[in-house]
Amino acid sequence: MKISVKVDYACRVLAEMARLHGTGEFTQIDPLAQAEAVPANFLAQILCELRDGGLITSKRGSQGGYALARPPDQISLYDIMKVIDGELIGFSGNYEGRTGRRMKEVWTSLRAVLEEKARDCTLDSLITKSGSEMYHI
């Protein structure tokens, strides 16, 4: 399984938008693109998909821009991945052969675990508290 660049960008940009949630402010494409190092043209496409998927709202005009449609603790990675890429793990549909049926069970089990973990991780857990936050491995 590979996480698409589009999903990665969407998660990062939504985390950035989560920082503004509750302020009543809308953010524009250029500041979002710059903050998360996402190409602005590609970001415009992603934001349209996120809006159509109900994760963000948009407002036209000089005071317009984009904002989260729900609080950050109510938007999960699962929600984002589902809107951008659809199923988290897609199946080939070919379950023939000696182990085909068993492989379907394995893939279904893996998908369930991935979905559960993705539902548990919400935008509020992705928000970087400070610009110099350190991560230790």
C-alpha atoms as a PDB file:
ATOM      1  CA  MET A   1       0.000   0.000   0.000  1.00  0.00           C
ATOM      2  CA  LYS A   2       1.238   3.455  -0.846  1.00  0.00           C
ATOM      3  CA  ILE A   3      -0.143   6.748   0.457  1.00  0.00           C
ATOM      4  CA  SER A   4      -0.634   9.080  -2.490  1.00  0.00           C
ATOM      5  CA  VAL A   5       1.004  12.507  -2.629  1.00  0.00           C
ATOM      6  CA  LYS A   6      -2.495  13.937  -2.928  1.00  0.00           C
ATOM      7  CA  VAL A   7      -3.581  12.395   0.392  1.00  0.00           C
ATOM      8  CA  ASP A   8      -0.359  13.521   2.071  1.00  0.00           C
ATOM      9  CA  TYR A   9      -0.844  17.097   0.845  1.00  0.00           C
ATOM     10  CA  ALA A  10      -4.513  17.069   1.873  1.00  0.00           C
ATOM     11  CA  CYS A  11      -3.647  15.922   5.407  1.00  0.00           C
ATOM     12  CA  ARG A  12      -0.907  18.527   5.796  1.00  0.00           C
ATOM     13  CA  VAL A  13      -3.039  21.380   4.493  1.00  0.00           C
ATOM     14  CA  LEU A  14      -6.018  20.385   6.641  1.00  0.00           C
ATOM     15  CA  ALA A  15      -3.732  20.269   9.695  1.00  0.00           C
ATOM     16  CA  GLU A  16      -2.637  23.804   8.836  1.00  0.00           C
ATOM     17  CA  MET A  17      -6.279  24.857   8.519  1.00  0.00           C
ATOM     18  CA  ALA A  18      -6.993  23.220  11.883  1.00  0.00           C
ATOM     19  CA  ARG A  19      -4.689  25.753  13.526  1.00  0.00           C
ATOM     20  CA  LEU A  20      -7.095  28.507  12.481  1.00  0.00           C
ATOM     21  CA  HIS A  21     -10.263  26.667  13.421  1.00  0.00           C
ATOM     22  CA  GLY A  22     -12.422  28.586  15.819  1.00  0.00           C
ATOM     23  CA  THR A  23     -10.982  31.996  14.919  1.00  0.00           C
ATOM     24  CA  GLY A  24     -13.615  32.694  12.271  1.00  0.00           C
ATOM     25  CA  GLU A  25     -10.838  33.305   9.758  1.00  0.00           C
ATOM     26  CA  PHE A  26     -10.680  31.846   6.277  1.00  0.00           C
ATOM     27  CA  THR A  27      -7.340  31.085   4.673  1.00  0.00           C
ATOM     28  CA  GLN A  28      -6.377  31.439   1.034  1.00  0.00           C
ATOM     29  CA  ILE A  29      -4.559  29.049  -1.256  1.00  0.00           C
ATOM     30  CA  ASP A  30      -1.215  30.869  -1.406  1.00  0.00           C
ATOM     31  CA  PRO A  31      -0.542  30.951   2.359  1.00  0.00           C
ATOM     32  CA  LEU A  32      -1.594  27.296   2.655  1.00  0.00           C
ATOM     33  CA  ALA A  33       0.603  26.295  -0.264  1.00  0.00           C
ATOM     34  CA  GLN A  34       3.577  28.155   1.166  1.00  0.00           C
ATOM     35  CA  ALA A  35       3.139  26.883   4.739  1.00  0.00           C
ATOM     36  CA  GLU A  36       3.004  23.243   3.641  1.00  0.00           C
ATOM     37  CA  ALA A  37       5.198  23.400   0.515  1.00  0.00           C
ATOM     38  CA  VAL A  38       2.378  22.265  -1.784  1.00  0.00           C
ATOM     39  CA  PRO A  39       2.150  23.493  -5.404  1.00  0.00           C
ATOM     40  CA  ALA A  40      -0.688  26.062  -5.479  1.00  0.00           C
ATOM     41  CA  ASN A  41      -2.269  24.702  -8.687  1.00  0.00           C
ATOM     42  CA  PHE A  42      -2.381  21.177  -7.287  1.00  0.00           C
ATOM     43  CA  LEU A  43      -3.671  22.503  -3.969  1.00  0.00           C
ATOM     44  CA  ALA A  44      -6.598  24.207  -5.721  1.00  0.00           C
ATOM     45  CA  GLN A  45      -7.669  20.809  -7.102  1.00  0.00           C
ATOM     46  CA  ILE A  46      -7.304  19.145  -3.704  1.00  0.00           C
ATOM     47  CA  LEU A  47      -9.321  21.869  -1.975  1.00  0.00           C
ATOM     48  CA  CYS A  48     -12.150  21.395  -4.488  1.00  0.00           C
ATOM     49  CA  GLU A  49     -12.268  17.679  -3.676  1.00  0.00           C
ATOM     50  CA  LEU A  50     -12.198  18.366   0.067  1.00  0.00           C
ATOM     51  CA  ARG A  51     -15.023  20.892  -0.296  1.00  0.00           C
ATOM     52  CA  ASP A  52     -17.086  18.506  -2.421  1.00  0.00           C
ATOM     53  CA  GLY A  53     -16.433  15.812   0.205  1.00  0.00           C
ATOM     54  CA  GLY A  54     -17.783  18.069   2.964  1.00  0.00           C
ATOM     55  CA  LEU A  55     -14.539  18.430   4.918  1.00  0.00           C
ATOM     56  CA  ILE A  56     -14.057  22.143   4.234  1.00  0.00           C
ATOM     57  CA  THR A  57     -16.163  25.148   3.307  1.00  0.00           C
ATOM     58  CA  SER A  58     -15.288  27.997   1.015  1.00  0.00           C
ATOM     59  CA  LYS A  59     -16.266  31.626   0.838  1.00  0.00           C
ATOM     60  CA  ARG A  60     -15.821  33.982  -2.111  1.00  0.00           C
ATOM     61  CA  GLY A  61     -14.642  37.555  -1.970  1.00  0.00           C
ATOM     62  CA  SER A  62     -11.764  39.518  -0.469  1.00  0.00           C
ATOM     63  CA  GLN A  63     -12.443  38.100   3.010  1.00  0.00           C
ATOM     64  CA  GLY A  64     -13.028  34.636   1.596  1.00  0.00           C
ATOM     65  CA  GLY A  65     -11.006  31.501   1.438  1.00  0.00           C
ATOM     66  CA  TYR A  66     -11.258  28.072   3.013  1.00  0.00           C
ATOM     67  CA  ALA A  67     -12.051  26.772   6.493  1.00  0.00           C
ATOM     68  CA  LEU A  68     -12.758  23.420   8.107  1.00  0.00           C
ATOM     69  CA  ALA A  69     -16.394  22.354   7.939  1.00  0.00           C
ATOM     70  CA  ARG A  70     -16.113  20.543  11.296  1.00  0.00           C
ATOM     71  CA  PRO A  71     -13.887  20.845  14.366  1.00  0.00           C
ATOM     72  CA  PRO A  72     -10.421  19.256  13.978  1.00  0.00           C
ATOM     73  CA  ASP A  73     -11.248  16.483  16.429  1.00  0.00           C
ATOM     74  CA  GLN A  74     -14.120  15.409  14.163  1.00  0.00           C
ATOM     75  CA  ILE A  75     -12.081  15.004  10.963  1.00  0.00           C
ATOM     76  CA  SER A  76     -10.017  11.821  10.813  1.00  0.00           C
ATOM     77  CA  LEU A  77      -7.341  10.587   8.450  1.00  0.00           C
ATOM     78  CA  TYR A  78      -9.905   8.044   7.330  1.00  0.00           C
ATOM     79  CA  ASP A  79     -12.276  10.851   6.292  1.00  0.00           C
ATOM     80  CA  ILE A  80      -9.517  12.546   4.313  1.00  0.00           C
ATOM     81  CA  MET A  81      -8.262   9.385   2.634  1.00  0.00           C
ATOM     82  CA  LYS A  82     -11.795   8.315   1.724  1.00  0.00           C
ATOM     83  CA  VAL A  83     -12.579  11.690   0.097  1.00  0.00           C
ATOM     84  CA  ILE A  84      -9.315  11.886  -1.831  1.00  0.00           C
ATOM     85  CA  ASP A  85      -8.572   8.283  -2.821  1.00  0.00           C
ATOM     86  CA  GLY A  86     -11.677   6.245  -2.026  1.00  0.00           C
ATOM     87  CA  GLU A  87     -11.139   2.808  -0.468  1.00  0.00           C
ATOM     88  CA  LEU A  88      -8.071   2.548   1.742  1.00  0.00           C
ATOM     89  CA  ILE A  89      -7.157  -0.813   0.266  1.00  0.00           C
ATOM     90  CA  GLY A  90      -8.736  -1.749  -3.039  1.00  0.00           C
ATOM     91  CA  PHE A  91      -9.023  -5.390  -3.969  1.00  0.00           C
ATOM     92  CA  SER A  92      -8.296  -6.840  -7.381  1.00  0.00           C
ATOM     93  CA  GLY A  93     -11.509  -8.852  -7.335  1.00  0.00           C
ATOM     94  CA  ASN A  94      -9.729 -12.010  -8.433  1.00  0.00           C
ATOM     95  CA  TYR A  95     -10.028 -14.553  -5.623  1.00  0.00           C
ATOM     96  CA  GLU A  96      -9.694 -17.659  -7.708  1.00  0.00           C
ATOM     97  CA  GLY A  97      -7.094 -20.321  -7.268  1.00  0.00           C
ATOM     98  CA  ARG A  98      -6.084 -22.340  -4.265  1.00  0.00           C
ATOM     99  CA  THR A  99      -5.403 -19.413  -1.901  1.00  0.00           C
ATOM    100  CA  GLY A 100      -7.616 -16.747  -3.442  1.00  0.00           C
ATOM    101  CA  ARG A 101     -10.364 -16.950  -0.846  1.00  0.00           C
ATOM    102  CA  ARG A 102      -7.843 -16.880   2.038  1.00  0.00           C
ATOM    103  CA  MET A 103      -6.065 -13.851   0.542  1.00  0.00           C
ATOM    104  CA  LYS A 104      -9.375 -12.012   0.405  1.00  0.00           C
ATOM    105  CA  GLU A 105      -9.808 -12.669   4.133  1.00  0.00           C
ATOM    106  CA  VAL A 106      -6.293 -11.393   4.857  1.00  0.00           C
ATOM    107  CA  TRP A 107      -6.744  -8.209   2.790  1.00  0.00           C
ATOM    108  CA  THR A 108     -10.140  -7.583   4.384  1.00  0.00           C
ATOM    109  CA  SER A 109      -8.623  -7.962   7.849  1.00  0.00           C
ATOM    110  CA  LEU A 110      -5.752  -5.606   7.000  1.00  0.00           C
ATOM    111  CA  ARG A 111      -8.153  -3.034   5.620  1.00  0.00           C
ATOM    112  CA  ALA A 112     -10.224  -3.169   8.818  1.00  0.00           C
ATOM    113  CA  VAL A 113      -7.141  -2.545  10.982  1.00  0.00           C
ATOM    114  CA  LEU A 114      -5.974   0.310   8.769  1.00  0.00           C
ATOM    115  CA  GLU A 115      -9.422   1.894   8.772  1.00  0.00           C
ATOM    116  CA  GLU A 116      -9.635   1.669  12.556  1.00  0.00           C
ATOM    117  CA  LYS A 117      -6.242   3.343  13.025  1.00  0.00           C
ATOM    118  CA  ALA A 118      -7.057   6.010  10.428  1.00  0.00           C
ATOM    119  CA  ARG A 119     -10.356   6.775  12.189  1.00  0.00           C
ATOM    120  CA  ASP A 120      -8.521   7.149  15.522  1.00  0.00           C
ATOM    121  CA  CYS A 121      -6.104   9.779  14.168  1.00  0.00           C
ATOM    122  CA  THR A 122      -7.810  13.162  13.871  1.00  0.00           C
ATOM    123  CA  LEU A 123      -6.582  16.555  12.696  1.00  0.00           C
ATOM    124  CA  ASP A 124      -6.175  17.854  16.219  1.00  0.00           C
ATOM    125  CA  SER A 125      -3.508  15.185  16.794  1.00  0.00           C
ATOM    126  CA  LEU A 126      -1.588  16.381  13.703  1.00  0.00           C
ATOM    127  CA  ILE A 127      -1.346  20.030  14.667  1.00  0.00           C
ATOM    128  CA  THR A 128       2.232  21.012  15.383  1.00  0.00           C
ATOM    129  CA  LYS A 129       2.209  22.982  18.611  1.00  0.00           C
ATOM    130  CA  SER A 130       5.256  25.076  17.726  1.00  0.00           C
ATOM    131  CA  GLY A 131       7.420  25.641  14.670  1.00  0.00           C
ATOM    132  CA  SER A 132      10.403  23.979  16.334  1.00  0.00           C
ATOM    133  CA  GLU A 133       8.692  20.865  17.671  1.00  0.00           C
ATOM    134  CA  MET A 134      11.160  18.008  17.946  1.00  0.00           C
ATOM    135  CA  TYR A 135      10.467  14.388  17.200  1.00  0.00           C
ATOM    136  CA  HIS A 136      12.512  11.614  18.803  1.00  0.00           C
ATOM    137  CA  ILE A 137      12.917   8.181  17.333  1.00  0.00           C
END
